[in-house]
Amino acid sequence: MLPELGFFLLLLATASAFFLALVPQFGLFKKIRL
């Protein structure tokens, strides 16, 4: 596998994990604001 492809997959996995970790916090924040 190409190193660039591996790096891209690693970056994508990290970004998706970070996004999934932030989404519940944003939902809770929105509930508190409302």
N, C-alpha and C. Protein backbone atom coordinates (compact mmCIF):
# COMPACT_ATOMS: atom_id res chain seq x y z
N MET A 1 0.85 -1.20 0.00
CA MET A 1 0.00 0.00 0.00
C MET A 1 0.88 1.25 0.00
N LEU A 2 0.44 2.27 -0.68
CA LEU A 2 1.20 3.51 -0.76
C LEU A 2 1.25 4.20 0.59
N PRO A 3 2.39 4.78 0.95
CA PRO A 3 2.50 5.49 2.23
C PRO A 3 1.51 6.65 2.32
N GLU A 4 1.30 7.33 1.19
CA GLU A 4 0.36 8.46 1.20
C GLU A 4 -1.05 7.98 1.50
N LEU A 5 -1.41 6.82 0.94
CA LEU A 5 -2.75 6.28 1.16
C LEU A 5 -2.91 5.87 2.63
N GLY A 6 -1.88 5.27 3.19
CA GLY A 6 -1.92 4.87 4.60
C GLY A 6 -2.04 6.08 5.51
N PHE A 7 -1.30 7.13 5.17
CA PHE A 7 -1.35 8.36 5.96
C PHE A 7 -2.73 9.00 5.87
N PHE A 8 -3.32 8.96 4.65
CA PHE A 8 -4.65 9.54 4.46
C PHE A 8 -5.69 8.76 5.25
N LEU A 9 -5.58 7.42 5.24
CA LEU A 9 -6.53 6.60 5.99
C LEU A 9 -6.40 6.84 7.49
N LEU A 10 -5.15 7.01 7.95
CA LEU A 10 -4.92 7.28 9.37
C LEU A 10 -5.51 8.63 9.75
N LEU A 11 -5.32 9.62 8.88
CA LEU A 11 -5.85 10.95 9.14
C LEU A 11 -7.37 10.93 9.14
N LEU A 12 -7.95 10.17 8.20
CA LEU A 12 -9.41 10.08 8.10
C LEU A 12 -9.98 9.40 9.34
N ALA A 13 -9.32 8.34 9.81
CA ALA A 13 -9.79 7.62 11.00
C ALA A 13 -9.70 8.52 12.23
N THR A 14 -8.62 9.28 12.33
CA THR A 14 -8.45 10.19 13.46
C THR A 14 -9.50 11.29 13.44
N ALA A 15 -9.76 11.83 12.25
CA ALA A 15 -10.75 12.91 12.12
C ALA A 15 -12.15 12.40 12.45
N SER A 16 -12.47 11.20 11.98
CA SER A 16 -13.81 10.65 12.23
C SER A 16 -13.99 10.34 13.72
N ALA A 17 -12.93 9.83 14.36
CA ALA A 17 -13.01 9.53 15.79
C ALA A 17 -13.16 10.82 16.59
N PHE A 18 -12.43 11.86 16.18
CA PHE A 18 -12.51 13.15 16.84
C PHE A 18 -13.90 13.75 16.68
N PHE A 19 -14.47 13.60 15.46
CA PHE A 19 -15.81 14.12 15.18
C PHE A 19 -16.85 13.39 16.01
N LEU A 20 -16.73 12.06 16.09
CA LEU A 20 -17.69 11.26 16.86
C LEU A 20 -17.58 11.58 18.35
N ALA A 21 -16.39 11.98 18.79
CA ALA A 21 -16.21 12.32 20.20
C ALA A 21 -16.80 13.70 20.50
N LEU A 22 -16.79 14.58 19.49
CA LEU A 22 -17.28 15.95 19.72
C LEU A 22 -18.79 16.09 19.55
N VAL A 23 -19.38 15.25 18.71
CA VAL A 23 -20.82 15.38 18.42
C VAL A 23 -21.71 15.32 19.66
N PRO A 24 -21.53 14.35 20.57
CA PRO A 24 -22.38 14.31 21.78
C PRO A 24 -22.20 15.56 22.64
N GLN A 25 -21.00 16.11 22.69
CA GLN A 25 -20.76 17.31 23.49
C GLN A 25 -21.51 18.50 22.90
N PHE A 26 -21.53 18.58 21.56
CA PHE A 26 -22.26 19.67 20.90
C PHE A 26 -23.76 19.52 21.13
N GLY A 27 -24.25 18.29 21.10
CA GLY A 27 -25.67 18.04 21.35
C GLY A 27 -26.04 18.44 22.77
N LEU A 28 -25.20 18.09 23.73
CA LEU A 28 -25.44 18.44 25.12
C LEU A 28 -25.39 19.95 25.31
N PHE A 29 -24.42 20.59 24.63
CA PHE A 29 -24.27 22.04 24.71
C PHE A 29 -25.50 22.73 24.13
N LYS A 30 -26.02 22.18 23.02
CA LYS A 30 -27.19 22.77 22.40
C LYS A 30 -28.42 22.61 23.30
N LYS A 31 -28.51 21.47 23.99
CA LYS A 31 -29.62 21.25 24.91
C LYS A 31 -29.56 22.25 26.07
N ILE A 32 -28.37 22.49 26.57
CA ILE A 32 -28.22 23.43 27.68
C ILE A 32 -28.56 24.85 27.23
N ARG A 33 -28.13 25.21 26.01
CA ARG A 33 -28.40 26.55 25.49
C ARG A 33 -29.89 26.76 25.28
N LEU A 34 -30.59 25.72 24.81
CA LEU A 34 -32.03 25.85 24.59
C LEU A 34 -32.75 25.86 25.94
